[in-house]
C-alpha cells in the first residue's frame, strides 16, 4: 500500500534537486520561512509574546496598587473665631438680638461679645453690611448708604415723607427715650395720640415698657427700623441736640393725663 509520507528510498523530487544545486535556500540554514500573508494596514506581530491580561473579575497589579493608595486629606479648617460666630448668629436672626442672648448662645460673657461686635463694626466700614445697635440689641443689616439701591433691586416703593408733626414727635422720642405720651404732649404743647399711632404703624417706634408713676403710662422708644430709615447704625450717631432756650417742663404737666 502506498504511504502518505516519503521514505529515504524515495526518488528525489524536483525541489530536492533545486536545493542540491543551491537554487533554493534550505529550511533552517538561510532566510526564515515566510509566514502567512499580512493584511494591508495590519501591524506585524512582535517577536516578544504579549503578557496575558487579567482574568475576568481580577484587578491588574498596577490598578490594585493605585486603589490601595490612601486618599489625600486636606488641612483641617481653621478654628471659628468669636467674631465669625457672632456674625453667623446675627445673619440667621430675623430681628435685633440682645447682646445677652448672643453671650448665652456662644457661652461667653457680654464683654467678649461687645469686643467682637466692635471688631465686626470696623470690618464692615465702607462695605455693604453694617451692624445696627438699638439699646441692648444688635442687628446685621445692609449699609444705610446702599438703601436706595436695595429698594430699587427689591422693587420697593419709596416711603412717603414724614409730616412735620411726625418728625417733631419722632425727634422727641429719639432724644428723650424712653418717653411717655404725656411727656411728648408737654414738650410739643398739643395732643400726640394720632401721630404716635402713625409712627407705631410705620414701625419707627415701639412700646418699651411702662413707668411706675400714676396710671403707669406706656413708654415709647425708637426701633431698628428708625435707624435704617435715617441711615444710622446706632443712637450714638444722632447729631447733638442744642437744648438752649427751651423752657423746662414742670413735672406735674409731664405726668398730666
C-alpha atoms as a PDB file:
ATOM      1  CA  UNK A   1       0.000   0.000   0.000  1.00  0.00           C
ATOM      2  CA  UNK A   2       1.452   3.332  -0.905  1.00  0.00           C
ATOM      3  CA  UNK A   3       2.357   5.536   2.142  1.00  0.00           C
ATOM      4  CA  UNK A   4       1.322   9.129   2.643  1.00  0.00           C
ATOM      5  CA  UNK A   5       4.873  10.038   3.809  1.00  0.00           C
ATOM      6  CA  UNK A   6       8.060   9.956   1.767  1.00  0.00           C
ATOM      7  CA  UNK A   7      10.825   7.489   2.686  1.00  0.00           C
ATOM      8  CA  UNK A   8      14.618   7.716   2.364  1.00  0.00           C
ATOM      9  CA  UNK A   9      14.478   5.382  -0.658  1.00  0.00           C
ATOM     10  CA  UNK A  10      12.077   7.685  -2.419  1.00  0.00           C
ATOM     11  CA  UNK A  11      13.330   9.322  -5.564  1.00  0.00           C
ATOM     12  CA  UNK A  12      14.415  12.947  -5.193  1.00  0.00           C
ATOM     13  CA  UNK A  13      11.831  15.450  -6.275  1.00  0.00           C
ATOM     14  CA  UNK A  14      12.413  18.450  -8.497  1.00  0.00           C
ATOM     15  CA  UNK A  15      12.516  20.678  -5.383  1.00  0.00           C
ATOM     16  CA  UNK A  16      15.183  18.452  -3.835  1.00  0.00           C
ATOM     17  CA  UNK A  17      17.246  18.797  -6.965  1.00  0.00           C
ATOM     18  CA  UNK A  18      16.971  22.606  -6.746  1.00  0.00           C
ATOM     19  CA  UNK A  19      18.107  22.556  -3.095  1.00  0.00           C
ATOM     20  CA  UNK A  20      21.049  20.399  -4.061  1.00  0.00           C
ATOM     21  CA  UNK A  21      22.052  22.820  -6.782  1.00  0.00           C
ATOM     22  CA  UNK A  22      21.754  25.749  -4.287  1.00  0.00           C
ATOM     23  CA  UNK A  23      18.987  27.425  -6.188  1.00  0.00           C
ATOM     24  CA  UNK A  24      16.616  27.328  -3.147  1.00  0.00           C
ATOM     25  CA  UNK A  25      17.592  28.004   0.484  1.00  0.00           C
ATOM     26  CA  UNK A  26      17.213  25.044   2.751  1.00  0.00           C
ATOM     27  CA  UNK A  27      14.927  25.425   5.802  1.00  0.00           C
ATOM     28  CA  UNK A  28      16.850  26.423   8.957  1.00  0.00           C
ATOM     29  CA  UNK A  29      20.005  27.407   7.025  1.00  0.00           C
ATOM     30  CA  UNK A  30      19.062  30.630   5.295  1.00  0.00           C
ATOM     31  CA  UNK A  31      16.169  33.057   5.466  1.00  0.00           C
ATOM     32  CA  UNK A  32      13.209  32.040   7.657  1.00  0.00           C
ATOM     33  CA  UNK A  33      10.231  30.538   6.023  1.00  0.00           C
ATOM     34  CA  UNK A  34       7.725  33.174   5.053  1.00  0.00           C
ATOM     35  CA  UNK A  35       4.635  33.306   7.286  1.00  0.00           C
ATOM     36  CA  UNK A  36       1.059  33.804   6.228  1.00  0.00           C
ATOM     37  CA  UNK A  37       0.389  36.989   4.278  1.00  0.00           C
ATOM     38  CA  UNK A  38      -0.358  40.117   6.334  1.00  0.00           C
ATOM     39  CA  UNK A  39      -3.488  42.090   5.651  1.00  0.00           C
ATOM     40  CA  UNK A  40      -2.889  45.629   4.329  1.00  0.00           C
ATOM     41  CA  UNK A  41      -2.588  48.169   7.185  1.00  0.00           C
ATOM     42  CA  UNK A  42      -2.130  45.485   9.875  1.00  0.00           C
ATOM     43  CA  UNK A  43       0.789  45.793  12.282  1.00  0.00           C
ATOM     44  CA  UNK A  44       3.255  42.932  12.243  1.00  0.00           C
ATOM     45  CA  UNK A  45       3.302  40.754  15.303  1.00  0.00           C
ATOM     46  CA  UNK A  46       6.015  41.486  17.834  1.00  0.00           C
ATOM     47  CA  UNK A  47       8.534  38.704  18.285  1.00  0.00           C
ATOM     48  CA  UNK A  48       8.019  39.132  22.061  1.00  0.00           C
ATOM     49  CA  UNK A  49       4.844  37.471  23.192  1.00  0.00           C
ATOM     50  CA  UNK A  50       2.465  39.903  24.994  1.00  0.00           C
ATOM     51  CA  UNK A  51       1.803  39.238  28.644  1.00  0.00           C
ATOM     52  CA  UNK A  52      -1.612  37.738  29.297  1.00  0.00           C
ATOM     53  CA  UNK A  53      -4.222  40.148  30.708  1.00  0.00           C
ATOM     54  CA  UNK A  54      -6.055  39.646  33.988  1.00  0.00           C
ATOM     55  CA  UNK A  55      -8.761  37.060  34.206  1.00  0.00           C
ATOM     56  CA  UNK A  56     -12.375  38.315  34.430  1.00  0.00           C
ATOM     57  CA  UNK A  57     -13.081  39.538  37.956  1.00  0.00           C
ATOM     58  CA  UNK A  58      -9.403  40.129  38.710  1.00  0.00           C
ATOM     59  CA  UNK A  59      -7.650  43.514  39.010  1.00  0.00           C
ATOM     60  CA  UNK A  60      -4.428  44.325  37.251  1.00  0.00           C
ATOM     61  CA  UNK A  61      -1.468  44.693  39.675  1.00  0.00           C
ATOM     62  CA  UNK A  62      -0.987  48.367  38.767  1.00  0.00           C
ATOM     63  CA  UNK A  63      -4.696  49.155  39.306  1.00  0.00           C
ATOM     64  CA  UNK A  64      -4.673  47.313  42.617  1.00  0.00           C
ATOM     65  CA  UNK A  65      -1.684  49.347  43.760  1.00  0.00           C
ATOM     66  CA  UNK A  66      -3.488  52.586  42.785  1.00  0.00           C
ATOM     67  CA  UNK A  67      -6.660  51.618  44.632  1.00  0.00           C
ATOM     68  CA  UNK A  68      -4.667  50.931  47.788  1.00  0.00           C
ATOM     69  CA  UNK A  69      -3.186  54.462  47.794  1.00  0.00           C
ATOM     70  CA  UNK A  70      -4.759  56.389  50.726  1.00  0.00           C
ATOM     71  CA  UNK A  71      -6.800  59.474  49.732  1.00  0.00           C
ATOM     72  CA  UNK A  72      -5.198  62.875  50.202  1.00  0.00           C
ATOM     73  CA  UNK A  73      -6.750  64.608  53.184  1.00  0.00           C
ATOM     74  CA  UNK A  74      -6.778  68.427  53.174  1.00  0.00           C
ATOM     75  CA  UNK A  75      -5.637  70.586  56.026  1.00  0.00           C
ATOM     76  CA  UNK A  76      -8.128  70.879  58.893  1.00  0.00           C
ATOM     77  CA  UNK A  77     -10.315  74.010  58.801  1.00  0.00           C
ATOM     78  CA  UNK A  78      -9.200  76.967  60.844  1.00  0.00           C
ATOM     79  CA  UNK A  79     -10.942  77.299  64.218  1.00  0.00           C
ATOM     80  CA  UNK A  80     -14.007  79.565  64.259  1.00  0.00           C
ATOM     81  CA  UNK A  81     -13.339  82.976  65.770  1.00  0.00           C
ATOM     82  CA  UNK A  82     -15.784  84.636  68.139  1.00  0.00           C
ATOM     83  CA  UNK A  83     -16.353  87.404  65.581  1.00  0.00           C
ATOM     84  CA  UNK A  84     -17.303  84.825  62.947  1.00  0.00           C
ATOM     85  CA  UNK A  85     -19.622  83.041  65.382  1.00  0.00           C
ATOM     86  CA  UNK A  86     -21.393  86.287  66.320  1.00  0.00           C
ATOM     87  CA  UNK A  87     -21.713  87.197  62.648  1.00  0.00           C
ATOM     88  CA  UNK A  88     -23.291  83.844  61.796  1.00  0.00           C
ATOM     89  CA  UNK A  89     -25.901  84.174  64.563  1.00  0.00           C
ATOM     90  CA  UNK A  90     -26.822  87.699  63.502  1.00  0.00           C
ATOM     91  CA  UNK A  91     -27.074  86.545  59.879  1.00  0.00           C
ATOM     92  CA  UNK A  92     -29.728  83.902  60.658  1.00  0.00           C
ATOM     93  CA  UNK A  93     -31.627  86.027  63.199  1.00  0.00           C
ATOM     94  CA  UNK A  94     -34.896  87.535  61.975  1.00  0.00           C
ATOM     95  CA  UNK A  95     -34.525  90.720  64.010  1.00  0.00           C
ATOM     96  CA  UNK A  96     -32.415  92.532  66.604  1.00  0.00           C
ATOM     97  CA  UNK A  97     -30.765  90.161  69.086  1.00  0.00           C
ATOM     98  CA  UNK A  98     -29.967  91.085  72.700  1.00  0.00           C
ATOM     99  CA  UNK A  99     -26.255  91.004  73.476  1.00  0.00           C
ATOM    100  CA  UNK A 100     -27.011  88.807  76.483  1.00  0.00           C
ATOM    101  CA  UNK A 101     -28.684  86.274  74.192  1.00  0.00           C
ATOM    102  CA  UNK A 102     -25.597  86.133  71.977  1.00  0.00           C
ATOM    103  CA  UNK A 103     -23.356  85.637  75.004  1.00  0.00           C
ATOM    104  CA  UNK A 104     -25.588  82.829  76.269  1.00  0.00           C
ATOM    105  CA  UNK A 105     -25.669  81.055  72.904  1.00  0.00           C
ATOM    106  CA  UNK A 106     -21.889  81.287  72.463  1.00  0.00           C
ATOM    107  CA  UNK A 107     -21.122  80.512  76.120  1.00  0.00           C
ATOM    108  CA  UNK A 108     -19.053  83.653  76.653  1.00  0.00           C
ATOM    109  CA  UNK A 109     -19.581  86.814  78.685  1.00  0.00           C
ATOM    110  CA  UNK A 110     -21.107  90.040  77.446  1.00  0.00           C
ATOM    111  CA  UNK A 111     -17.771  91.899  77.369  1.00  0.00           C
ATOM    112  CA  UNK A 112     -16.374  89.386  74.903  1.00  0.00           C
ATOM    113  CA  UNK A 113     -19.427  89.772  72.670  1.00  0.00           C
ATOM    114  CA  UNK A 114     -19.118  93.565  72.799  1.00  0.00           C
ATOM    115  CA  UNK A 115     -15.452  93.323  71.773  1.00  0.00           C
ATOM    116  CA  UNK A 116     -16.396  91.036  68.879  1.00  0.00           C
ATOM    117  CA  UNK A 117     -19.104  93.488  67.795  1.00  0.00           C
ATOM    118  CA  UNK A 118     -16.603  96.355  67.771  1.00  0.00           C
ATOM    119  CA  UNK A 119     -14.287  94.310  65.553  1.00  0.00           C
ATOM    120  CA  UNK A 120     -17.144  93.474  63.189  1.00  0.00           C
ATOM    121  CA  UNK A 121     -18.215  97.119  63.009  1.00  0.00           C
ATOM    122  CA  UNK A 122     -14.694  98.113  61.985  1.00  0.00           C
ATOM    123  CA  UNK A 123     -14.634  95.291  59.422  1.00  0.00           C
ATOM    124  CA  UNK A 124     -17.899  96.468  57.835  1.00  0.00           C
ATOM    125  CA  UNK A 125     -16.698 100.064  57.406  1.00  0.00           C
ATOM    126  CA  UNK A 126     -17.143 101.007  53.761  1.00  0.00           C
ATOM    127  CA  UNK A 127     -18.835  97.712  52.891  1.00  0.00           C
ATOM    128  CA  UNK A 128     -22.400  96.684  52.052  1.00  0.00           C
ATOM    129  CA  UNK A 129     -23.295  95.430  55.532  1.00  0.00           C
ATOM    130  CA  UNK A 130     -23.406  97.164  58.892  1.00  0.00           C
ATOM    131  CA  UNK A 131     -24.295  96.493  62.499  1.00  0.00           C
ATOM    132  CA  UNK A 132     -27.229  98.396  63.965  1.00  0.00           C
ATOM    133  CA  UNK A 133     -27.381  98.944  67.714  1.00  0.00           C
ATOM    134  CA  UNK A 134     -30.663  99.712  69.396  1.00  0.00           C
ATOM    135  CA  UNK A 135     -30.124  99.903  73.148  1.00  0.00           C
ATOM    136  CA  UNK A 136     -29.032  96.406  74.276  1.00  0.00           C
ATOM    137  CA  UNK A 137     -29.830  94.756  70.936  1.00  0.00           C
ATOM    138  CA  UNK A 138     -27.845  94.421  67.719  1.00  0.00           C
ATOM    139  CA  UNK A 139     -28.830  93.535  64.162  1.00  0.00           C
ATOM    140  CA  UNK A 140     -26.969  92.782  60.925  1.00  0.00           C
ATOM    141  CA  UNK A 141     -28.385  94.894  58.096  1.00  0.00           C
ATOM    142  CA  UNK A 142     -27.455  96.371  54.753  1.00  0.00           C
ATOM    143  CA  UNK A 143     -25.436  99.567  54.893  1.00  0.00           C
ATOM    144  CA  UNK A 144     -27.532 102.764  55.046  1.00  0.00           C
ATOM    145  CA  UNK A 145     -25.648 104.126  52.028  1.00  0.00           C
ATOM    146  CA  UNK A 146     -26.958 101.199  49.964  1.00  0.00           C
ATOM    147  CA  UNK A 147     -30.614 101.699  50.956  1.00  0.00           C
ATOM    148  CA  UNK A 148     -31.683 103.293  47.664  1.00  0.00           C
ATOM    149  CA  UNK A 149     -30.030 100.567  45.565  1.00  0.00           C
ATOM    150  CA  UNK A 150     -31.520  97.819  47.732  1.00  0.00           C
ATOM    151  CA  UNK A 151     -35.006  99.339  47.408  1.00  0.00           C
ATOM    152  CA  UNK A 152     -34.641  99.544  43.633  1.00  0.00           C
ATOM    153  CA  UNK A 153     -33.381  95.947  43.417  1.00  0.00           C
ATOM    154  CA  UNK A 154     -36.294  94.651  45.519  1.00  0.00           C
ATOM    155  CA  UNK A 155     -38.822  96.814  43.701  1.00  0.00           C
ATOM    156  CA  UNK A 156     -39.833  98.620  46.886  1.00  0.00           C
ATOM    157  CA  UNK A 157     -41.616 101.926  46.546  1.00  0.00           C
ATOM    158  CA  UNK A 158     -40.014 104.852  48.286  1.00  0.00           C
ATOM    159  CA  UNK A 159     -41.742 105.533  51.582  1.00  0.00           C
ATOM    160  CA  UNK A 160     -43.849 108.655  51.846  1.00  0.00           C
ATOM    161  CA  UNK A 161     -42.087 111.501  53.626  1.00  0.00           C
ATOM    162  CA  UNK A 162     -42.996 112.027  57.257  1.00  0.00           C
ATOM    163  CA  UNK A 163     -45.100 115.002  58.212  1.00  0.00           C
ATOM    164  CA  UNK A 164     -43.667 117.828  60.272  1.00  0.00           C
ATOM    165  CA  UNK A 165     -45.669 116.664  63.306  1.00  0.00           C
ATOM    166  CA  UNK A 166     -44.354 113.112  62.880  1.00  0.00           C
ATOM    167  CA  UNK A 167     -40.752 114.314  62.593  1.00  0.00           C
ATOM    168  CA  UNK A 168     -41.177 116.521  65.647  1.00  0.00           C
ATOM    169  CA  UNK A 169     -42.634 113.683  67.715  1.00  0.00           C
ATOM    170  CA  UNK A 170     -40.029 111.250  66.447  1.00  0.00           C
ATOM    171  CA  UNK A 171     -37.228 113.630  67.390  1.00  0.00           C
ATOM    172  CA  UNK A 172     -38.581 113.926  70.929  1.00  0.00           C
ATOM    173  CA  UNK A 173     -38.765 110.159  71.285  1.00  0.00           C
ATOM    174  CA  UNK A 174     -35.306 109.646  69.757  1.00  0.00           C
ATOM    175  CA  UNK A 175     -33.567 112.081  72.114  1.00  0.00           C
ATOM    176  CA  UNK A 176     -35.639 111.503  75.253  1.00  0.00           C
ATOM    177  CA  UNK A 177     -36.381 107.759  75.049  1.00  0.00           C
ATOM    178  CA  UNK A 178     -37.902 106.038  76.764  1.00  0.00           C
ATOM    179  CA  UNK A 179     -40.621 108.665  76.994  1.00  0.00           C
ATOM    180  CA  UNK A 180     -44.368 108.650  77.696  1.00  0.00           C
ATOM    181  CA  UNK A 181     -47.151 110.226  75.663  1.00  0.00           C
ATOM    182  CA  UNK A 182     -47.866 112.847  78.377  1.00  0.00           C
ATOM    183  CA  UNK A 183     -44.211 113.855  78.266  1.00  0.00           C
ATOM    184  CA  UNK A 184     -44.355 114.165  74.472  1.00  0.00           C
ATOM    185  CA  UNK A 185     -47.543 116.211  74.671  1.00  0.00           C
ATOM    186  CA  UNK A 186     -45.982 118.501  77.274  1.00  0.00           C
ATOM    187  CA  UNK A 187     -42.976 119.191  75.055  1.00  0.00           C
ATOM    188  CA  UNK A 188     -44.999 119.691  71.878  1.00  0.00           C
ATOM    189  CA  UNK A 189     -47.868 121.557  73.524  1.00  0.00           C
ATOM    190  CA  UNK A 190     -50.500 119.544  71.594  1.00  0.00           C
ATOM    191  CA  UNK A 191     -52.061 116.088  71.723  1.00  0.00           C
ATOM    192  CA  UNK A 192     -49.874 113.488  70.021  1.00  0.00           C
ATOM    193  CA  UNK A 193     -52.142 110.408  70.009  1.00  0.00           C
ATOM    194  CA  UNK A 194     -52.677 110.219  66.245  1.00  0.00           C
ATOM    195  CA  UNK A 195     -49.029 110.953  65.473  1.00  0.00           C
ATOM    196  CA  UNK A 196     -47.836 108.229  67.854  1.00  0.00           C
ATOM    197  CA  UNK A 197     -50.251 105.723  66.290  1.00  0.00           C
ATOM    198  CA  UNK A 198     -48.898 106.598  62.852  1.00  0.00           C
ATOM    199  CA  UNK A 199     -45.295 106.140  63.965  1.00  0.00           C
ATOM    200  CA  UNK A 200     -46.199 102.808  65.577  1.00  0.00           C
ATOM    201  CA  UNK A 201     -47.838 101.653  62.337  1.00  0.00           C
ATOM    202  CA  UNK A 202     -44.705 102.560  60.366  1.00  0.00           C
ATOM    203  CA  UNK A 203     -42.552 100.594  62.793  1.00  0.00           C
ATOM    204  CA  UNK A 204     -40.416 103.613  63.656  1.00  0.00           C
ATOM    205  CA  UNK A 205     -41.265 103.485  67.373  1.00  0.00           C
ATOM    206  CA  UNK A 206     -42.389 100.775  69.772  1.00  0.00           C
ATOM    207  CA  UNK A 207     -43.690 100.345  73.294  1.00  0.00           C
ATOM    208  CA  UNK A 208     -40.723  99.649  75.545  1.00  0.00           C
ATOM    209  CA  UNK A 209     -42.425  99.291  78.918  1.00  0.00           C
ATOM    210  CA  UNK A 210     -44.384 101.299  81.469  1.00  0.00           C
ATOM    211  CA  UNK A 211     -43.447 103.795  84.142  1.00  0.00           C
ATOM    212  CA  UNK A 212     -44.048 103.243  87.821  1.00  0.00           C
ATOM    213  CA  UNK A 213     -45.873 106.582  88.148  1.00  0.00           C
ATOM    214  CA  UNK A 214     -49.608 107.197  88.447  1.00  0.00           C
ATOM    215  CA  UNK A 215     -51.576 105.354  85.785  1.00  0.00           C
ATOM    216  CA  UNK A 216     -48.385 103.626  84.619  1.00  0.00           C
ATOM    217  CA  UNK A 217     -48.288 105.274  81.174  1.00  0.00           C
ATOM    218  CA  UNK A 218     -46.618 103.468  78.267  1.00  0.00           C
ATOM    219  CA  UNK A 219     -43.004 104.250  77.431  1.00  0.00           C
ATOM    220  CA  UNK A 220     -42.037 104.723  73.775  1.00  0.00           C
ATOM    221  CA  UNK A 221     -38.649 104.249  72.115  1.00  0.00           C
ATOM    222  CA  UNK A 222     -37.280 104.121  68.592  1.00  0.00           C
ATOM    223  CA  UNK A 223     -36.726 100.867  66.690  1.00  0.00           C
ATOM    224  CA  UNK A 224     -34.139  99.362  64.374  1.00  0.00           C
ATOM    225  CA  UNK A 225     -36.384 100.471  61.511  1.00  0.00           C
ATOM    226  CA  UNK A 226     -35.895 104.043  62.710  1.00  0.00           C
ATOM    227  CA  UNK A 227     -32.128 103.642  62.403  1.00  0.00           C
ATOM    228  CA  UNK A 228     -32.475 102.125  58.947  1.00  0.00           C
ATOM    229  CA  UNK A 229     -34.866 104.848  57.810  1.00  0.00           C
ATOM    230  CA  UNK A 230     -32.461 107.625  58.768  1.00  0.00           C
ATOM    231  CA  UNK A 231     -29.239 105.834  57.817  1.00  0.00           C
ATOM    232  CA  UNK A 232     -27.920 105.418  61.353  1.00  0.00           C
ATOM    233  CA  UNK A 233     -26.038 102.494  62.841  1.00  0.00           C
ATOM    234  CA  UNK A 234     -26.853 103.419  66.449  1.00  0.00           C
ATOM    235  CA  UNK A 235     -28.446 106.167  68.509  1.00  0.00           C
ATOM    236  CA  UNK A 236     -24.935 107.469  69.154  1.00  0.00           C
ATOM    237  CA  UNK A 237     -24.940 108.641  65.532  1.00  0.00           C
ATOM    238  CA  UNK A 238     -27.719 111.151  66.249  1.00  0.00           C
ATOM    239  CA  UNK A 239     -26.469 114.715  65.840  1.00  0.00           C
ATOM    240  CA  UNK A 240     -26.094 116.623  69.107  1.00  0.00           C
ATOM    241  CA  UNK A 241     -29.222 118.489  70.119  1.00  0.00           C
ATOM    242  CA  UNK A 242     -28.974 122.092  71.271  1.00  0.00           C
ATOM    243  CA  UNK A 243     -31.471 122.488  74.120  1.00  0.00           C
ATOM    244  CA  UNK A 244     -30.581 126.097  74.911  1.00  0.00           C
ATOM    245  CA  UNK A 245     -33.634 128.332  75.053  1.00  0.00           C
ATOM    246  CA  UNK A 246     -36.148 125.564  75.704  1.00  0.00           C
ATOM    247  CA  UNK A 247     -38.318 126.138  78.720  1.00  0.00           C
ATOM    248  CA  UNK A 248     -38.270 123.426  81.402  1.00  0.00           C
ATOM    249  CA  UNK A 249     -41.477 121.415  81.624  1.00  0.00           C
ATOM    250  CA  UNK A 250     -42.949 121.119  85.134  1.00  0.00           C
ATOM    251  CA  UNK A 251     -43.211 117.553  86.439  1.00  0.00           C
ATOM    252  CA  UNK A 252     -46.934 117.965  87.127  1.00  0.00           C
ATOM    253  CA  UNK A 253     -47.500 118.913  83.497  1.00  0.00           C
ATOM    254  CA  UNK A 254     -45.474 115.939  82.269  1.00  0.00           C
ATOM    255  CA  UNK A 255     -47.449 113.445  84.345  1.00  0.00           C
ATOM    256  CA  UNK A 256     -50.803 115.009  83.458  1.00  0.00           C
ATOM    257  CA  UNK A 257     -53.221 112.783  81.548  1.00  0.00           C
END
